[in-house]
Protein backbone atom coordinates (compact mmCIF):
# COMPACT_ATOMS: atom_id res chain seq x y z
CA UNK A 1 0.00 0.00 0.00
CA UNK A 2 1.38 3.44 -0.99
CA UNK A 3 0.57 6.33 1.39
CA UNK A 4 1.15 10.03 0.77
CA UNK A 5 3.76 11.85 2.92
CA UNK A 6 1.05 13.89 4.67
CA UNK A 7 -0.86 10.75 5.58
CA UNK A 8 2.27 9.08 6.95
CA UNK A 9 3.01 12.19 9.08
CA UNK A 10 -0.52 12.16 10.47
CA UNK A 11 -0.35 8.52 11.55
CA UNK A 12 3.04 9.07 13.19
CA UNK A 13 1.58 11.91 15.30
CA UNK A 14 -1.19 9.75 16.80
CA UNK A 15 -0.67 8.30 20.29
CA UNK A 16 -2.67 5.08 20.53
CA UNK A 17 -3.92 4.43 24.13
CA UNK A 18 -3.65 0.64 23.89
CA UNK A 19 -0.19 -0.02 25.28
CA UNK A 20 -1.35 -0.81 28.82
CA UNK A 21 -4.04 -3.17 27.53
CA UNK A 22 -1.49 -5.00 25.37
CA UNK A 23 0.94 -5.13 28.27
CA UNK A 24 -1.78 -6.59 30.52
CA UNK A 25 -2.57 -9.21 27.88
CA UNK A 26 1.10 -10.17 27.62
CA UNK A 27 1.39 -10.42 31.41
CA UNK A 28 -1.72 -12.63 31.48
CA UNK A 29 -0.28 -14.80 28.74
CA UNK A 30 3.02 -15.11 30.63
CA UNK A 31 1.19 -16.05 33.83
CA UNK A 32 -0.78 -18.74 31.98
CA UNK A 33 2.40 -20.14 30.48
CA UNK A 34 4.12 -20.06 33.88
CA UNK A 35 1.34 -22.15 35.42
CA UNK A 36 1.41 -24.47 32.43
CA UNK A 37 5.18 -24.98 32.81
CA UNK A 38 4.77 -25.63 36.53
CA UNK A 39 2.20 -28.33 35.80
CA UNK A 40 4.39 -30.01 33.18
CA UNK A 41 7.47 -29.84 35.44
CA UNK A 42 5.53 -31.51 38.27
CA UNK A 43 4.36 -34.29 35.94
CA UNK A 44 7.88 -34.89 34.58
CA UNK A 45 9.37 -35.07 38.06
CA UNK A 46 7.25 -38.11 38.90
CA UNK A 47 8.04 -39.96 35.67
CA UNK A 48 10.77 -42.66 35.56
CA UNK A 49 14.02 -41.97 33.72
CA UNK A 50 13.63 -42.05 29.96
CA UNK A 51 9.96 -42.91 29.77
CA UNK A 52 8.16 -39.59 29.53
CA UNK A 53 4.61 -40.01 28.22
CA UNK A 54 3.50 -36.46 27.58
CA UNK A 55 -0.25 -36.86 27.07
CA UNK A 56 -1.13 -38.85 30.15
CA UNK A 57 -2.04 -41.99 28.21
CA UNK A 58 -0.19 -45.16 27.23
CA UNK A 59 1.06 -45.43 30.80
CA UNK A 60 2.24 -48.98 30.14
CA UNK A 61 5.30 -47.60 28.37
CA UNK A 62 6.54 -46.16 31.66
CA UNK A 63 7.20 -49.68 32.89
CA UNK A 64 9.37 -50.54 29.87
CA UNK A 65 13.08 -49.71 29.81
CA UNK A 66 13.08 -47.96 26.46
CA UNK A 67 16.86 -47.50 26.54
CA UNK A 68 17.73 -51.18 27.08
CA UNK A 69 20.14 -52.19 24.32
CA UNK A 70 20.34 -55.74 22.90
CA UNK A 71 23.17 -57.98 23.99
CA UNK A 72 25.78 -58.59 21.31
CA UNK A 73 26.69 -62.22 20.58
CA UNK A 74 30.03 -63.40 21.92
CA UNK A 75 32.61 -63.29 19.11
CA UNK A 76 36.02 -64.95 19.03
CA UNK A 77 38.58 -66.38 16.63
CA UNK A 78 39.18 -70.13 16.90
CA UNK A 79 41.74 -72.51 15.42
CA UNK A 80 39.13 -75.19 14.68
CA UNK A 81 39.07 -76.66 11.17
CA UNK A 82 35.87 -76.04 9.21
CA UNK A 83 35.16 -79.76 8.99
CA UNK A 84 35.33 -80.11 12.77
CA UNK A 85 33.36 -76.99 13.79
CA UNK A 86 30.12 -77.76 15.63
CA UNK A 87 27.11 -75.45 15.70
CA UNK A 88 23.88 -74.37 14.04
CA UNK A 89 25.31 -72.80 10.88
CA UNK A 90 28.69 -72.42 9.22
CA UNK A 91 28.91 -69.38 6.93
CA UNK A 92 31.37 -69.74 4.04
CA UNK A 93 32.19 -66.37 2.39
CA UNK A 94 33.35 -66.49 -1.23
CA UNK A 95 34.25 -63.94 -3.91
CA UNK A 96 32.69 -64.17 -7.40
CA UNK A 97 35.85 -65.68 -8.92
CA UNK A 98 36.11 -68.45 -6.30
CA UNK A 99 34.07 -70.84 -8.47
CA UNK A 100 35.16 -72.14 -11.89
CA UNK A 101 31.90 -72.81 -13.73
CA UNK A 102 33.56 -74.71 -16.61
CA UNK A 103 35.54 -77.02 -14.36
CA UNK A 104 32.70 -77.12 -11.79
CA UNK A 105 35.24 -76.70 -9.01
CA UNK A 106 36.27 -74.20 -6.37
CA UNK A 107 39.51 -72.27 -6.88
CA UNK A 108 40.02 -71.88 -3.13
CA UNK A 109 40.69 -74.66 -0.61
CA UNK A 110 37.32 -74.60 1.15
CA UNK A 111 35.98 -78.12 0.74
CA UNK A 112 38.86 -80.34 1.84
CA UNK A 113 37.70 -82.82 4.45
CA UNK A 114 33.97 -82.35 3.92
CA UNK A 115 31.86 -85.37 3.02
CA UNK A 116 31.05 -86.10 -0.60
CA UNK A 117 27.40 -85.18 0.02
CA UNK A 118 28.29 -81.73 1.42
CA UNK A 119 30.80 -81.07 -1.39
CA UNK A 120 28.30 -82.04 -4.08
CA UNK A 121 25.59 -79.80 -2.61
CA UNK A 122 27.92 -76.79 -2.41
CA UNK A 123 28.97 -77.24 -6.05
CA UNK A 124 25.35 -77.60 -7.13
CA UNK A 125 24.44 -74.32 -5.41
CA UNK A 126 27.40 -72.53 -7.00
CA UNK A 127 26.41 -73.88 -10.41
CA UNK A 128 23.06 -72.07 -10.17
CA UNK A 129 23.08 -69.29 -12.79
CA UNK A 130 21.04 -67.03 -10.51
CA UNK A 131 23.52 -67.30 -7.64
CA UNK A 132 26.52 -65.25 -8.71
CA UNK A 133 28.11 -64.64 -5.29
CA UNK A 134 27.15 -60.98 -5.45
CA UNK A 135 27.86 -59.05 -2.28
CA UNK A 136 25.44 -60.11 0.46
CA UNK A 137 23.70 -62.85 -1.53
CA UNK A 138 23.33 -66.21 0.21
CA UNK A 139 22.30 -69.87 -0.19
CA UNK A 140 21.76 -72.22 2.75
CA UNK A 141 21.29 -75.98 3.07
CA UNK A 142 20.88 -78.51 5.87
CA UNK A 143 23.73 -81.03 6.05
CA UNK A 144 21.39 -83.79 7.31
CA UNK A 145 24.03 -85.10 9.69
CA UNK A 146 26.80 -85.39 7.10
CA UNK A 147 28.77 -82.60 8.81
CA UNK A 148 29.31 -81.44 12.38
CA UNK A 149 27.78 -78.13 11.29
CA UNK A 150 24.00 -78.57 11.14
CA UNK A 151 23.69 -76.10 8.25
CA UNK A 152 26.08 -74.50 5.77
CA UNK A 153 25.39 -71.11 4.22
CA UNK A 154 27.34 -69.72 1.24
CA UNK A 155 27.57 -65.91 1.22
CA UNK A 156 28.83 -63.77 -1.66
CA UNK A 157 31.56 -61.15 -1.23
CA UNK A 158 31.31 -59.69 -4.73
CA UNK A 159 34.33 -59.25 -6.95
CA UNK A 160 37.87 -59.80 -5.75
CA UNK A 161 38.89 -56.41 -7.14
CA UNK A 162 36.16 -54.49 -5.28
CA UNK A 163 37.00 -56.32 -2.06
CA UNK A 164 40.61 -55.17 -2.31
CA UNK A 165 39.69 -51.49 -2.80
CA UNK A 166 39.54 -49.03 0.05
CA UNK A 167 35.92 -48.40 0.91
CA UNK A 168 34.92 -44.76 0.39
CA UNK A 169 31.26 -44.88 -0.67
CA UNK A 170 28.49 -46.98 0.81
CA UNK A 171 28.51 -50.29 2.66
CA UNK A 172 31.42 -52.69 2.21
CA UNK A 173 31.12 -56.34 1.19
CA UNK A 174 32.16 -57.25 4.74
CA UNK A 175 29.24 -55.27 6.16
CA UNK A 176 26.95 -57.02 3.69
CA UNK A 177 28.38 -60.36 4.87
CA UNK A 178 27.60 -59.53 8.50
CA UNK A 179 24.09 -58.40 7.60
CA UNK A 180 23.47 -61.63 5.68
CA UNK A 181 24.68 -63.66 8.67
CA UNK A 182 22.23 -61.76 10.90
CA UNK A 183 19.31 -62.17 8.49
CA UNK A 184 19.82 -65.91 7.95
CA UNK A 185 20.36 -66.59 11.67
CA UNK A 186 17.32 -64.53 12.66
CA UNK A 187 14.93 -66.17 10.18
CA UNK A 188 16.11 -69.66 11.16
CA UNK A 189 16.45 -68.96 14.91
CA UNK A 190 20.11 -70.06 14.93
CA UNK A 191 21.98 -69.53 18.19
CA UNK A 192 25.55 -70.43 17.20
CA UNK A 193 27.41 -69.58 14.01
CA UNK A 194 30.85 -70.07 12.50
CA UNK A 195 32.50 -67.98 9.78
CA UNK A 196 35.02 -69.30 7.24
CA UNK A 197 36.69 -66.98 4.73
CA UNK A 198 38.88 -69.24 2.59
CA UNK A 199 41.62 -67.94 0.36
CA UNK A 200 43.89 -64.94 0.69
CA UNK A 201 41.40 -62.51 2.20
CA UNK A 202 41.35 -61.86 5.92
CA UNK A 203 37.93 -60.67 7.05
CA UNK A 204 37.54 -57.02 8.05
CA UNK A 205 36.15 -58.05 11.41
CA UNK A 206 34.94 -54.62 12.48
CA UNK A 207 32.83 -54.31 9.31
CA UNK A 208 31.54 -57.88 9.67
CA UNK A 209 30.52 -57.12 13.26
CA UNK A 210 28.92 -53.88 12.15
CA UNK A 211 26.68 -55.70 9.67
CA UNK A 212 26.01 -58.54 12.10
CA UNK A 213 24.97 -56.24 14.95
CA UNK A 214 22.95 -53.75 12.91
CA UNK A 215 21.48 -55.80 10.03
CA UNK A 216 17.84 -56.93 9.78
CA UNK A 217 16.72 -54.33 12.28
CA UNK A 218 13.13 -54.48 13.46
CA UNK A 219 11.37 -52.11 15.84
CA UNK A 220 9.52 -54.05 18.55
CA UNK A 221 9.58 -51.91 21.70
CA UNK A 222 6.09 -50.53 21.23
CA UNK A 223 4.40 -53.74 20.10
CA UNK A 224 2.05 -55.57 22.46
CA UNK A 225 3.82 -58.85 21.74
CA UNK A 226 7.52 -58.55 22.43
CA UNK A 227 9.88 -60.76 20.44
CA UNK A 228 13.54 -61.03 19.60
CA UNK A 229 13.03 -58.41 16.91
CA UNK A 230 16.11 -56.27 16.46
CA UNK A 231 18.32 -58.52 18.60
CA UNK A 232 17.94 -61.80 16.71
CA UNK A 233 18.79 -65.10 18.39
CA UNK A 234 22.56 -65.48 17.84
CA UNK A 235 24.49 -66.01 21.06
CA UNK A 236 27.95 -66.85 19.71
CA UNK A 237 30.00 -66.42 16.52
CA UNK A 238 33.30 -68.23 15.93
CA UNK A 239 35.61 -66.84 13.25
CA UNK A 240 37.69 -69.75 11.96
CA UNK A 241 41.36 -68.91 11.76
CA UNK A 242 43.63 -66.28 13.26
CA UNK A 243 42.49 -62.62 13.25
CA UNK A 244 44.84 -59.87 14.43
CA UNK A 245 43.47 -57.68 17.26
CA UNK A 246 40.18 -59.58 17.23
CA UNK A 247 39.03 -58.40 20.66
CA UNK A 248 39.76 -54.74 19.92
CA UNK A 249 37.90 -54.86 16.58
CA UNK A 250 34.87 -56.50 18.20
CA UNK A 251 34.89 -54.02 21.08
CA UNK A 252 34.95 -51.04 18.69
CA UNK A 253 32.17 -52.53 16.57
CA UNK A 254 30.00 -53.13 19.63
CA UNK A 255 30.54 -49.54 20.84
CA UNK A 256 29.50 -48.14 17.47
CA UNK A 257 26.52 -50.50 17.19
CA UNK A 258 25.26 -49.38 20.60
CA UNK A 259 25.40 -45.76 19.49
CA UNK A 260 23.60 -46.43 16.21
CA UNK A 261 20.96 -48.56 17.95
CA UNK A 262 20.34 -45.81 20.53
CA UNK A 263 19.91 -43.30 17.70
CA UNK A 264 17.40 -45.66 16.05
CA UNK A 265 15.55 -45.98 19.36
CA UNK A 266 15.24 -42.21 19.69
CA UNK A 267 14.12 -41.62 16.10
CA UNK A 268 11.56 -44.42 15.97
CA UNK A 269 9.95 -43.59 19.34
CA UNK A 270 6.51 -41.96 19.04
CA UNK A 271 6.32 -38.26 19.94
CA UNK A 272 4.14 -38.94 22.98
CA UNK A 273 7.18 -40.78 24.39
CA UNK A 274 10.21 -39.13 22.80
CA UNK A 275 9.68 -35.68 24.32
CA UNK A 276 12.49 -33.16 24.99
CA UNK A 277 12.74 -34.69 28.49
CA UNK A 278 13.26 -38.12 26.90
CA UNK A 279 16.31 -36.78 25.04
CA UNK A 280 17.65 -35.25 28.25
CA UNK A 281 17.16 -38.60 30.00
CA UNK A 282 19.15 -40.31 27.25
CA UNK A 283 21.99 -37.84 27.80
CA UNK A 284 21.78 -38.52 31.55
CA UNK A 285 22.05 -42.25 30.91
CA UNK A 286 25.20 -41.74 28.81
CA UNK A 287 26.78 -39.58 31.51
CA UNK A 288 25.87 -42.18 34.12
CA UNK A 289 27.34 -45.01 32.00
CA UNK A 290 30.69 -43.21 31.56
CA UNK A 291 30.99 -40.96 34.64
CA UNK A 292 34.75 -40.50 34.22
CA UNK A 293 34.40 -39.23 30.66
CA UNK A 294 31.23 -37.12 30.54
CA UNK A 295 29.75 -34.09 32.27
CA UNK A 296 26.08 -33.21 31.72
CA UNK A 297 24.31 -29.89 31.98
CA UNK A 298 20.62 -29.45 31.05
CA UNK A 299 19.35 -25.87 30.86
CA UNK A 300 15.68 -25.05 31.37
CA UNK A 301 13.66 -22.15 30.01
CA UNK A 302 14.87 -19.63 32.59
CA UNK A 303 18.56 -20.40 31.97
CA UNK A 304 18.01 -20.15 28.21
CA UNK A 305 16.20 -16.84 28.66
CA UNK A 306 19.17 -15.55 30.65
CA UNK A 307 21.43 -16.53 27.74
CA UNK A 308 19.21 -14.66 25.28
CA UNK A 309 18.17 -17.71 23.24
CA UNK A 310 15.14 -15.98 21.72
CA UNK A 311 15.09 -18.02 18.51
CA UNK A 312 15.20 -21.42 20.23
CA UNK A 313 12.64 -20.54 22.90
CA UNK A 314 10.25 -19.03 20.35
CA UNK A 315 9.94 -22.39 18.58
CA UNK A 316 8.85 -24.25 21.72
CA UNK A 317 6.60 -21.49 23.07
CA UNK A 318 3.33 -23.18 22.04
CA UNK A 319 4.19 -26.65 23.34
CA UNK A 320 2.96 -28.23 26.57
CA UNK A 321 6.36 -29.88 27.06
CA UNK A 322 9.31 -28.04 28.57
CA UNK A 323 12.30 -27.13 26.37
CA UNK A 324 15.48 -28.96 27.33
CA UNK A 325 18.82 -27.50 26.27
CA UNK A 326 21.24 -30.42 26.58
CA UNK A 327 25.02 -30.03 26.87
CA UNK A 328 26.99 -33.26 27.26
CA UNK A 329 30.76 -32.79 27.42
CA UNK A 330 33.31 -35.54 26.72
CA UNK A 331 36.95 -35.24 27.80
CA UNK A 332 39.02 -38.07 26.41
CA UNK A 333 41.92 -39.65 28.28
CA UNK A 334 44.92 -37.35 28.23
CA UNK A 335 42.99 -34.32 26.96
CA UNK A 336 44.28 -30.86 27.89
CA UNK A 337 43.40 -27.26 27.14
CA UNK A 338 45.40 -27.65 23.92
CA UNK A 339 43.39 -30.67 22.73
CA UNK A 340 41.01 -30.30 19.75
CA UNK A 341 37.59 -29.03 20.87
CA UNK A 342 34.73 -30.23 18.67
CA UNK A 343 31.10 -29.19 18.97
CA UNK A 344 28.37 -31.49 17.64
CA UNK A 345 25.01 -29.71 17.44
CA UNK A 346 21.91 -31.78 16.69
CA UNK A 347 18.43 -30.58 15.79
CA UNK A 348 16.09 -31.79 18.53
CA UNK A 349 12.55 -30.89 17.44
CA UNK A 350 10.76 -33.93 18.87
CA UNK A 351 7.60 -33.21 16.90
CA UNK A 352 7.16 -30.64 14.15
CA UNK A 353 3.56 -29.67 13.37
CA UNK A 354 4.84 -26.80 11.24
CA UNK A 355 3.38 -24.27 13.66
CA UNK A 356 0.99 -21.77 12.07
CA UNK A 357 2.50 -22.75 8.71
CA UNK A 358 0.84 -26.08 9.46
CA UNK A 359 1.96 -29.21 7.65
CA UNK A 360 -1.25 -30.21 5.90
CA UNK A 361 -2.36 -32.24 2.92
CA UNK A 362 -0.83 -35.09 0.96
CA UNK A 363 2.94 -35.17 1.07
CA UNK A 364 3.28 -32.98 4.16
CA UNK A 365 4.68 -35.97 6.10
CA UNK A 366 3.24 -34.66 9.35
CA UNK A 367 2.68 -38.23 10.52
CA UNK A 368 6.45 -38.80 10.25
CA UNK A 369 7.56 -35.68 12.06
CA UNK A 370 8.67 -37.71 15.06
CA UNK A 371 11.93 -38.11 13.13
CA UNK A 372 12.56 -34.37 13.02
CA UNK A 373 14.91 -34.90 15.94
CA UNK A 374 17.12 -37.21 13.89
CA UNK A 375 20.05 -34.82 14.25
CA UNK A 376 19.86 -34.96 18.03
CA UNK A 377 19.66 -38.76 17.84
CA UNK A 378 22.85 -38.79 15.74
CA UNK A 379 24.58 -36.52 18.26
CA UNK A 380 23.50 -38.50 21.34
CA UNK A 381 24.15 -41.82 19.59
CA UNK A 382 27.66 -40.68 18.68
CA UNK A 383 28.20 -39.66 22.32
CA UNK A 384 27.34 -43.19 23.45
CA UNK A 385 29.64 -44.66 20.78
CA UNK A 386 32.49 -42.31 21.67
CA UNK A 387 32.10 -43.25 25.33
CA UNK A 388 32.79 -46.85 24.32
CA UNK A 389 35.57 -46.03 21.85
CA UNK A 390 37.29 -43.66 24.29
CA UNK A 391 39.35 -41.59 21.81
CA UNK A 392 42.18 -39.83 23.66
CA UNK A 393 43.36 -36.23 23.61
CA UNK A 394 40.10 -34.78 22.29
CA UNK A 395 37.22 -32.83 23.82
CA UNK A 396 33.75 -33.14 22.29
CA UNK A 397 30.66 -31.12 23.19
CA UNK A 398 27.30 -32.71 22.31
CA UNK A 399 24.63 -30.01 22.18
CA UNK A 400 20.88 -30.38 21.58
CA UNK A 401 18.27 -27.61 21.81
CA UNK A 402 15.24 -29.87 22.30
CA UNK A 403 11.64 -28.69 22.01
CA UNK A 404 8.38 -29.27 20.10
CA UNK A 405 6.97 -27.02 17.36
CA UNK A 406 3.26 -26.81 18.13
CA UNK A 407 0.35 -24.35 17.88
CA UNK A 408 -1.36 -22.18 20.51
CA UNK A 409 -2.29 -18.57 21.11
CA UNK A 410 1.09 -18.06 22.78
CA UNK A 411 3.01 -19.58 19.89
CA UNK A 412 5.33 -18.17 17.26
CA UNK A 413 3.56 -16.43 14.37
CA UNK A 414 4.61 -15.73 10.79
CA UNK A 415 5.87 -12.16 10.74
CA UNK A 416 7.27 -12.16 14.28
CA UNK A 417 10.74 -10.70 14.78
CA UNK A 418 12.85 -12.58 17.32
CA UNK A 419 16.39 -12.15 18.63
CA UNK A 420 19.09 -14.81 18.72
CA UNK A 421 21.67 -15.13 21.46
CA UNK A 422 24.33 -13.36 19.38
CA UNK A 423 22.06 -10.31 19.01
CA UNK A 424 20.95 -10.91 15.43
CA UNK A 425 17.27 -10.27 14.76
CA UNK A 426 15.29 -12.69 12.59
CA UNK A 427 11.98 -12.10 10.80
CA UNK A 428 10.05 -15.37 10.84
CA UNK A 429 8.39 -15.70 7.46
CA UNK A 430 7.73 -19.43 7.92
CA UNK A 431 7.16 -21.18 11.27
CA UNK A 432 7.82 -24.51 9.53
CA UNK A 433 11.45 -23.49 9.08
CA UNK A 434 11.88 -23.91 12.81
CA UNK A 435 14.91 -26.21 12.94
CA UNK A 436 17.35 -23.49 11.94
CA UNK A 437 15.91 -21.24 14.68
CA UNK A 438 16.81 -23.81 17.34
CA UNK A 439 20.18 -24.59 15.77
CA UNK A 440 21.37 -20.99 15.49
CA UNK A 441 21.26 -20.45 19.26
CA UNK A 442 22.88 -23.85 19.82
CA UNK A 443 25.71 -22.97 17.40
CA UNK A 444 26.34 -19.69 19.23
CA UNK A 445 26.41 -21.62 22.51
CA UNK A 446 28.92 -24.13 21.09
CA UNK A 447 31.21 -21.27 20.11
CA UNK A 448 31.08 -19.91 23.65
CA UNK A 449 32.29 -23.29 24.95
CA UNK A 450 35.53 -22.79 23.05
CA UNK A 451 34.76 -25.23 20.21
CA UNK A 452 37.05 -24.47 17.29
CA UNK A 453 35.25 -27.00 15.07
CA UNK A 454 31.45 -27.09 14.98
CA UNK A 455 29.38 -29.64 13.05
CA UNK A 456 25.62 -29.30 13.07
CA UNK A 457 23.42 -32.12 11.82
CA UNK A 458 19.70 -31.92 11.16
CA UNK A 459 16.69 -33.19 9.24
CA UNK A 460 16.51 -29.65 7.94
CA UNK A 461 14.99 -29.39 4.47
CA UNK A 462 12.83 -31.27 2.03
CA UNK A 463 14.87 -29.50 -0.64
CA UNK A 464 17.88 -31.67 0.23
CA UNK A 465 15.73 -34.78 -0.17
CA UNK A 466 14.72 -33.56 -3.64
CA UNK A 467 18.36 -32.89 -4.54
CA UNK A 468 20.01 -36.04 -3.15
CA UNK A 469 17.24 -38.55 -2.53
CA UNK A 470 16.83 -40.80 0.49
CA UNK A 471 20.29 -42.35 0.81
CA UNK A 472 22.67 -39.37 0.79
CA UNK A 473 23.19 -36.52 3.25
CA UNK A 474 24.03 -33.01 2.09
CA UNK A 475 27.33 -31.63 3.40
CA UNK A 476 28.16 -27.93 3.61
CA UNK A 477 31.37 -26.55 5.07
CA UNK A 478 33.42 -23.37 5.19
CA UNK A 479 36.68 -25.35 4.95
CA UNK A 480 37.79 -28.05 2.54
CA UNK A 481 39.74 -29.86 5.25
CA UNK A 482 36.69 -30.35 7.47
CA UNK A 483 34.51 -31.36 4.53
CA UNK A 484 37.00 -34.02 3.44
CA UNK A 485 37.45 -35.20 7.03
CA UNK A 486 33.71 -35.74 7.47
CA UNK A 487 33.32 -37.42 4.08
CA UNK A 488 36.18 -39.75 4.90
CA UNK A 489 34.74 -40.52 8.34
CA UNK A 490 31.37 -41.32 6.82
CA UNK A 491 33.00 -43.52 4.20
CA UNK A 492 34.55 -45.73 6.89
CA UNK A 493 31.10 -46.79 8.08
CA UNK A 494 29.15 -46.60 4.82
CA UNK A 495 27.39 -43.26 5.40
CA UNK A 496 27.14 -41.25 2.18
CA UNK A 497 27.75 -37.48 2.20
CA UNK A 498 27.82 -35.19 -0.82
CA UNK A 499 29.44 -31.73 -0.72
CA UNK A 500 27.04 -28.90 -1.57
CA UNK A 501 27.85 -25.27 -2.42
CA UNK A 502 27.57 -22.34 -0.01
CA UNK A 503 26.54 -19.93 -2.78
CA UNK A 504 27.01 -16.49 -1.20
CA UNK A 505 24.93 -14.78 -3.88
CA UNK A 506 21.88 -16.54 -2.41
CA UNK A 507 22.29 -14.62 0.87
CA UNK A 508 20.32 -11.83 -0.79
CA UNK A 509 17.28 -14.12 -0.60
CA UNK A 510 17.41 -13.90 3.21
CA UNK A 511 17.29 -10.11 3.38
CA UNK A 512 14.51 -8.69 5.53
CA UNK A 513 13.09 -5.14 5.42
CA UNK A 514 12.44 -5.15 9.18
CA UNK A 515 15.14 -7.38 10.73
CA UNK A 516 18.72 -8.45 10.14
CA UNK A 517 17.54 -11.45 8.13
CA UNK A 518 14.61 -13.76 7.36
CA UNK A 519 14.58 -17.43 8.30
CA UNK A 520 13.77 -18.68 4.77
CA UNK A 521 14.40 -17.68 1.20
CA UNK A 522 12.52 -18.74 -1.91
CA UNK A 523 11.61 -22.33 -2.76
CA UNK A 524 14.51 -22.92 -5.10
CA UNK A 525 17.85 -23.74 -3.49
CA UNK A 526 16.14 -24.16 -0.11
CA UNK A 527 18.83 -26.41 1.32
CA UNK A 528 21.54 -23.92 0.37
CA UNK A 529 19.78 -20.91 1.91
CA UNK A 530 19.16 -22.92 5.10
CA UNK A 531 22.91 -23.59 5.36
CA UNK A 532 23.69 -19.93 4.62
CA UNK A 533 21.33 -18.90 7.42
CA UNK A 534 23.16 -21.14 9.91
CA UNK A 535 26.56 -19.89 8.77
CA UNK A 536 25.59 -16.41 9.98
CA UNK A 537 25.76 -17.68 13.57
CA UNK A 538 29.13 -19.43 13.37
CA UNK A 539 31.79 -17.58 15.40
CA UNK A 540 34.50 -15.99 13.29
CA UNK A 541 37.53 -18.22 12.74
CA UNK A 542 35.61 -21.43 13.49
CA UNK A 543 35.70 -24.44 11.18
CA UNK A 544 32.06 -25.32 10.56
CA UNK A 545 30.04 -27.92 8.69
CA UNK A 546 26.33 -28.53 8.28
CA UNK A 547 24.91 -31.97 7.46
CA UNK A 548 21.35 -32.13 6.14
CA UNK A 549 20.22 -35.70 6.84
CA UNK A 550 16.54 -35.30 5.96
CA UNK A 551 16.71 -38.13 3.40
CA UNK A 552 18.76 -40.89 5.05
CA UNK A 553 17.24 -40.53 8.56
CA UNK A 554 14.55 -43.08 7.66
CA UNK A 555 14.41 -46.16 5.41
CA UNK A 556 11.18 -48.13 5.48
CA UNK A 557 12.77 -51.11 3.71
CA UNK A 558 15.57 -51.30 6.29
CA UNK A 559 13.38 -51.21 9.39
CA UNK A 560 12.63 -47.48 9.60
CA UNK A 561 15.11 -45.44 11.64
CA UNK A 562 18.65 -45.80 10.28
CA UNK A 563 20.85 -44.18 12.94
CA UNK A 564 22.48 -42.15 10.15
CA UNK A 565 25.19 -39.75 11.26
CA UNK A 566 26.43 -41.68 14.29
CA UNK A 567 29.21 -43.40 12.36
CA UNK A 568 30.38 -40.16 10.74
CA UNK A 569 30.48 -38.13 13.97
CA UNK A 570 32.09 -40.88 16.04
CA UNK A 571 34.75 -41.66 13.42
CA UNK A 572 35.58 -37.98 12.92
CA UNK A 573 36.19 -37.57 16.66
CA UNK A 574 38.44 -40.65 16.61
CA UNK A 575 40.36 -39.19 13.66
CA UNK A 576 41.04 -36.01 15.65
CA UNK A 577 42.38 -37.90 18.66
CA UNK A 578 46.09 -38.50 19.16
């Protein structure tokens, strides 16, 4: 609307007598919220650790230990010959070139000593044109008493050349082998297994364990009929032959698997259970498990107000649940003031309704917005893994600004101007771009803890899903060294990251006529403008990276929650240790 200069002068001269009324209304609103917070705090105080049920229903979940992790099977290397090994199933891992189809014979010494019946059956299976020993493929048969192993399962390792290459992208053949062992054992209820890798290849035990512990995942904690589910039935695994540093490899794999499983637990939990308090309880459990390595601080609303976290608190203003600002600090053995200080910041919006920009209609995915705290799950899961791995000479800060994005008369509105803890003002033009509002205050906080490297991770934009699909996370960074370090760390555990551009020209899309900046730009390049927004809150001279994990946080075919990000963050911390 265009107004004449005289009209503008007239309106400026008017003194509207409504200030006291507005002030009274704000005071009333604050009093109502204060009483509401008191009621929620009282309810949370009587609820057992980790099992917060926010709506007063489904009370049966409070009697379930939702953080109980499955027991890993005992794993060891044994000198037993394959023909003498006793147990439910013997897995024999072979590369594609191990079988000579013309000669109908194996090129590797795997069958010596087996009965004629077992040998003939193995050769028949390998002669099947549809069974090409591709990575992770398998064929099983019952030995019918002709071997001390009750069953034998052939598992493909893919090509010999691929097996010899350093893994930099996706899962390795050894991880696929472990996953196949888990799947076969689970479907057949096997309790004991042996593994034979004939030929020149020594198994990458940590990768095999990774696949074995994490494969064939199934969520069962909220089903009325509990079953083995994600744990499977395997109690012991014998690796035939000598394996260097077997115990250390198994220990590291178990530590990582616990972290990834915890992240899966947090992401898959329904929002009436996985509240901000639930995330704080998970952090408390980690600190309690490793008291010599971790310190925990959880800030409430008042403490966050004192720190000026206007953006973070605005997001959770409409929710019944209390915001929980979680700071879990790890100090590795031998760490000093000169040790690397890394800050991991995870988005912790435990349910995202979209606020007044409500998620509505087909494709809004509102029913899946329990996973909008996937970044916090990755951060807390990596904390649990790092506690088990115990990297030395490094300090890691795990930071989560947890809240819910809901709707009420006291909630954040489109058009509001709010102030972050570094003093920047933000015009909110979309309440469904709430994650970056919580992250910006958390990033400022990480900088104040002395972190010289900050990595934030979040299910931030649908735009990144459009760009990279459901298997790849978007990676932004202000330094090449950090970007390559994170990509390499992800490659070790099969997590895919793709470097994206921080196109500075797009910063113009975040300009606001009334504040320092807006929280969203236009539709196009939405993942890039989200990263550019976050970069504005990174302390000067700090190495920073942003991982948008909106796609790979969930995979319906692989059991739902993936635990994506845990491997990358844990491995990067290990790489920075002495």
